[in-house]
Every structure is written in C-alpha cells, then in structure tokens.
N, C-alpha and C. Protein backbone atom coordinates (compact mmCIF):
# COMPACT_ATOMS: atom_id res chain seq x y z
N MET A 1 117.88 86.14 94.83
CA MET A 1 117.37 87.27 95.25
C MET A 1 116.34 86.96 96.46
N SER A 2 116.55 87.36 97.68
CA SER A 2 115.61 87.25 98.72
C SER A 2 114.30 88.09 98.64
N GLY A 3 114.51 89.35 98.19
CA GLY A 3 113.42 90.42 98.30
C GLY A 3 112.94 90.89 99.42
N ASN A 4 113.58 90.54 100.44
CA ASN A 4 113.83 91.56 101.69
C ASN A 4 113.67 92.98 101.64
N LYS A 5 114.60 93.15 100.83
CA LYS A 5 115.02 94.54 100.81
C LYS A 5 114.16 95.36 99.97
N LEU A 6 114.09 96.90 100.34
CA LEU A 6 113.21 97.61 99.32
C LEU A 6 113.77 98.99 99.60
N PHE A 7 113.71 99.57 98.49
CA PHE A 7 114.07 100.78 98.34
C PHE A 7 112.69 101.86 98.09
N VAL A 8 112.38 103.23 99.21
CA VAL A 8 111.30 103.46 99.07
C VAL A 8 111.72 105.02 99.07
N ASP A 9 110.49 105.77 98.56
CA ASP A 9 110.56 107.02 98.23
C ASP A 9 109.90 107.84 99.58
N THR A 10 110.32 109.00 99.77
CA THR A 10 109.30 109.70 100.70
C THR A 10 107.68 109.44 100.67
N ASN A 11 107.00 109.50 99.61
CA ASN A 11 105.85 109.28 99.34
C ASN A 11 105.52 108.23 100.24
N ILE A 12 105.57 107.25 99.88
CA ILE A 12 105.34 105.66 100.60
C ILE A 12 105.41 106.03 102.51
N LEU A 13 106.34 106.40 102.67
CA LEU A 13 106.78 106.68 104.29
C LEU A 13 105.90 107.62 104.79
N ILE A 14 105.33 108.87 103.99
CA ILE A 14 104.23 109.60 104.67
C ILE A 14 102.93 108.41 104.83
N TYR A 15 102.68 107.93 103.95
CA TYR A 15 101.44 106.72 104.41
C TYR A 15 101.63 105.88 105.55
N PHE A 16 102.98 105.33 105.25
CA PHE A 16 103.37 104.18 106.38
C PHE A 16 103.37 104.50 107.96
N LEU A 17 104.11 105.94 108.12
CA LEU A 17 104.35 106.54 109.20
C LEU A 17 103.07 106.62 110.17
N PRO A 18 101.72 107.19 109.47
CA PRO A 18 100.76 107.12 110.45
C PRO A 18 99.82 106.01 110.44
N GLY A 19 100.28 105.24 109.67
CA GLY A 19 99.74 103.74 110.07
C GLY A 19 98.89 103.24 108.89
N ASP A 20 98.91 103.39 107.64
CA ASP A 20 98.00 103.34 106.60
C ASP A 20 98.51 101.79 106.19
N ASN A 21 97.32 100.93 106.24
CA ASN A 21 97.42 99.61 106.21
C ASN A 21 97.99 99.29 105.07
N ILE A 22 97.66 99.85 103.71
CA ILE A 22 98.52 99.05 102.22
C ILE A 22 100.08 99.27 102.37
N ALA A 23 100.24 100.47 102.93
CA ALA A 23 101.84 101.01 102.99
C ALA A 23 102.54 100.08 104.13
N ILE A 24 101.84 99.53 105.32
CA ILE A 24 102.06 98.73 105.99
C ILE A 24 102.42 97.27 105.85
N ASP A 25 101.40 97.10 104.76
CA ASP A 25 101.33 95.53 104.27
C ASP A 25 102.72 95.54 103.18
N LEU A 26 102.88 96.40 102.70
CA LEU A 26 103.94 96.56 101.44
C LEU A 26 105.28 96.60 102.20
N ILE A 27 105.42 97.37 103.24
CA ILE A 27 106.81 97.40 103.84
C ILE A 27 106.98 96.59 105.22
N LEU A 28 105.98 96.09 105.49
CA LEU A 28 106.14 94.78 106.55
C LEU A 28 107.26 93.89 106.32
N GLU A 29 108.39 93.67 107.45
CA GLU A 29 109.28 92.67 107.38
C GLU A 29 110.33 92.81 106.17
N LYS A 30 110.54 94.21 105.64
CA LYS A 30 111.28 94.47 104.62
C LYS A 30 112.41 95.21 105.36
N GLU A 31 113.63 95.19 104.76
CA GLU A 31 114.90 95.90 104.89
C GLU A 31 114.56 97.04 104.31
N LEU A 32 114.17 98.38 104.79
CA LEU A 32 114.32 99.63 104.22
C LEU A 32 115.34 100.42 103.54
N ILE A 33 115.61 100.74 102.61
CA ILE A 33 116.49 101.62 101.80
C ILE A 33 116.04 102.79 101.41
N ILE A 34 116.33 104.04 101.99
CA ILE A 34 116.20 105.34 101.70
C ILE A 34 117.62 105.95 101.28
N SER A 35 117.19 106.94 100.47
CA SER A 35 118.33 108.03 100.06
C SER A 35 118.34 109.31 101.29
N PHE A 36 119.54 109.81 101.16
CA PHE A 36 119.50 110.83 102.03
C PHE A 36 118.32 112.10 101.74
N VAL A 37 117.97 112.20 100.62
CA VAL A 37 116.96 112.91 100.05
C VAL A 37 115.78 112.65 100.89
N THR A 38 115.34 111.34 101.16
CA THR A 38 113.98 111.31 101.70
C THR A 38 114.05 111.54 103.11
N GLU A 39 115.42 111.26 103.81
CA GLU A 39 115.75 111.14 105.09
C GLU A 39 115.65 112.93 105.55
N LEU A 40 116.06 113.79 104.57
CA LEU A 40 115.76 115.12 104.71
C LEU A 40 114.46 115.87 104.68
N GLU A 41 113.89 115.49 103.59
CA GLU A 41 112.36 115.52 103.27
C GLU A 41 111.50 115.16 104.50
N LEU A 42 111.65 113.94 105.02
CA LEU A 42 110.94 113.50 106.10
C LEU A 42 111.33 114.47 107.42
N LEU A 43 112.44 114.76 107.70
CA LEU A 43 113.12 115.38 108.88
C LEU A 43 112.58 116.91 108.71
N SER A 44 112.47 117.56 107.34
CA SER A 44 112.15 118.87 107.14
C SER A 44 110.88 119.73 107.30
N PHE A 45 109.75 118.38 107.41
CA PHE A 45 108.32 118.77 107.31
C PHE A 45 108.25 119.94 108.70
N GLY A 46 107.79 121.20 108.42
CA GLY A 46 107.62 121.81 109.39
C GLY A 46 106.24 121.98 110.20
N SER A 47 105.39 121.19 109.65
CA SER A 47 104.32 121.05 110.83
C SER A 47 103.99 120.04 111.45
N VAL A 48 105.60 119.55 111.86
CA VAL A 48 105.51 117.93 112.37
C VAL A 48 105.61 118.24 113.77
N SER A 49 104.77 117.46 114.73
CA SER A 49 105.00 117.53 116.22
C SER A 49 106.38 117.25 116.77
N GLU A 50 106.61 117.75 117.93
CA GLU A 50 107.82 116.71 118.32
C GLU A 50 107.83 115.49 118.83
N ASP A 51 106.40 115.10 118.81
CA ASP A 51 106.31 113.75 119.10
C ASP A 51 106.63 112.88 117.74
N ALA A 52 106.19 113.29 116.83
CA ALA A 52 106.24 112.63 115.49
C ALA A 52 107.51 112.81 114.95
N SER A 53 108.28 113.97 115.38
CA SER A 53 109.51 114.10 114.64
C SER A 53 110.26 113.07 115.44
N GLY A 54 110.22 112.64 116.93
CA GLY A 54 110.76 111.82 117.38
C GLY A 54 110.65 110.35 116.82
N VAL A 55 109.05 109.54 116.56
CA VAL A 55 108.88 108.80 115.72
C VAL A 55 109.82 108.60 114.60
N VAL A 56 109.74 109.63 113.63
CA VAL A 56 110.51 109.71 112.47
C VAL A 56 111.98 109.48 112.41
N LYS A 57 112.75 110.13 113.65
CA LYS A 57 114.06 109.91 113.83
C LYS A 57 114.13 108.66 114.51
N GLY A 58 113.45 108.13 115.14
CA GLY A 58 113.17 106.44 115.63
C GLY A 58 113.63 105.48 114.32
N PHE A 59 112.36 105.90 113.72
CA PHE A 59 111.95 105.16 112.21
C PHE A 59 113.55 105.11 111.33
N LEU A 60 114.05 106.36 111.16
CA LEU A 60 115.03 106.39 110.38
C LEU A 60 116.56 105.67 110.89
N LYS A 61 116.64 105.36 112.31
CA LYS A 61 117.64 104.43 112.75
C LYS A 61 117.26 103.30 112.32
N ASN A 62 116.01 102.55 112.02
CA ASN A 62 116.08 101.29 111.24
C ASN A 62 116.48 101.10 109.75
N CYS A 63 116.72 102.39 109.15
CA CYS A 63 116.68 102.31 107.80
C CYS A 63 117.96 102.46 107.21
N LEU A 64 118.35 101.76 106.13
CA LEU A 64 119.49 102.06 105.25
C LEU A 64 119.80 103.03 104.69
N ILE A 65 120.85 104.13 104.90
CA ILE A 65 120.49 105.53 104.50
C ILE A 65 121.49 105.61 103.51
N ILE A 66 121.34 106.00 102.05
CA ILE A 66 122.26 105.84 101.06
C ILE A 66 122.58 107.38 100.86
N ASP A 67 123.96 107.69 101.26
CA ASP A 67 124.38 109.15 100.58
C ASP A 67 124.40 109.21 99.31
N ILE A 68 124.62 110.64 99.07
CA ILE A 68 124.89 111.10 97.55
C ILE A 68 125.74 110.48 96.99
N ASN A 69 125.33 109.84 95.82
CA ASN A 69 126.22 109.39 94.77
C ASN A 69 125.80 109.52 93.34
N PRO A 70 126.29 109.13 92.28
CA PRO A 70 125.81 108.94 91.09
C PRO A 70 124.36 108.50 90.73
N GLU A 71 124.56 107.14 91.50
CA GLU A 71 123.26 106.30 91.52
C GLU A 71 122.09 106.93 91.99
N ILE A 72 122.34 107.56 92.96
CA ILE A 72 121.15 107.94 94.02
C ILE A 72 121.00 109.11 93.26
N LYS A 73 121.71 110.01 92.79
CA LYS A 73 120.96 111.17 91.65
C LYS A 73 119.83 110.94 90.79
N GLU A 74 120.42 109.82 90.01
CA GLU A 74 119.79 109.20 88.80
C GLU A 74 118.44 108.64 89.65
N LEU A 75 118.70 107.90 90.32
CA LEU A 75 117.26 107.13 91.00
C LEU A 75 116.14 108.20 91.59
N THR A 76 116.78 109.50 92.21
CA THR A 76 115.87 110.29 92.62
C THR A 76 115.33 110.88 91.70
N ILE A 77 116.11 111.48 90.86
CA ILE A 77 115.74 112.40 89.38
C ILE A 77 114.49 111.58 88.58
N GLU A 78 114.89 110.13 88.41
CA GLU A 78 113.67 109.32 87.78
C GLU A 78 112.45 109.28 88.66
N SER A 79 112.54 109.00 89.93
CA SER A 79 111.38 108.93 90.77
C SER A 79 110.96 110.56 90.74
N GLU A 80 111.16 111.61 90.51
CA GLU A 80 110.57 112.37 90.61
C GLU A 80 109.71 112.80 89.07
N ARG A 81 110.30 112.31 88.37
CA ARG A 81 109.71 112.40 87.10
C ARG A 81 108.69 111.40 87.01
N VAL A 82 108.75 110.21 87.36
CA VAL A 82 107.48 108.93 87.63
C VAL A 82 106.32 110.11 87.90
N GLN A 83 106.50 110.57 89.18
CA GLN A 83 105.62 111.15 90.01
C GLN A 83 104.96 112.49 89.22
N ASN A 84 105.53 112.77 87.96
CA ASN A 84 104.89 114.03 87.20
C ASN A 84 105.05 115.50 87.99
N LEU A 85 106.17 115.50 88.65
CA LEU A 85 106.03 116.89 89.35
C LEU A 85 106.21 117.93 88.11
N ASN A 86 105.76 118.97 88.41
CA ASN A 86 105.44 120.05 87.24
C ASN A 86 106.84 120.87 87.60
N PHE A 87 107.58 121.23 86.77
CA PHE A 87 108.26 122.49 86.96
C PHE A 87 107.79 123.66 86.78
N PRO A 88 108.20 124.74 87.77
CA PRO A 88 107.35 126.31 87.34
C PRO A 88 107.42 127.01 86.00
N MET A 89 108.53 126.57 85.12
CA MET A 89 108.55 127.44 84.13
C MET A 89 109.11 126.57 83.06
N GLN A 90 109.07 127.15 81.79
CA GLN A 90 109.13 126.14 80.67
C GLN A 90 110.71 126.33 80.16
N LEU A 91 110.93 125.10 79.77
CA LEU A 91 112.44 124.94 79.59
C LEU A 91 112.56 124.60 78.06
C-alpha cells in the first residue's frame, strides 16, 4: 500500500481549509477521501462567506466523495463516537 490515500472527517478539514500548518502537513500530497456527510457538513455552515464557500466547493472537486453505503454509515458512526459527542438524552 502506497499510503497516498487518506480518509478524513470534517474536523480535520475545518483546520486544513483556513491554513492550519499541522493539518496541511498531514494532508499534503494525499489523495483525500471523504464521505458525503463531510461534504454536506462543509457546505452547510451558515456563517461561511460566499468567497469561502467557493474555496470549499473548489476543494471538494479534488476529493473522492463516497456516497452513503453500509460501510460509510459504520465509519461515520464510529468517527462520531470517537469524538465523544454527547447525545442530548439518556437512552
């Protein structure tokens, strides 16, 4: 395996897009793979300017975007769990 592909979640891209050096070093020269969930999250931020939205759309053109399938659903669920997101009610 060459190691040139990298599956990334929204959080790393939130740092990468404005130019965070650590995120850039991690992503530099990688073929980025994202889920459709990440695409939706990046495009749905309400506080993003028109210019920034254009940058995001241009960036997404260079990513392989995986549509929904059982594997992506499981990866998304696990990614959210690892981030320790709190569910608003007790189950």
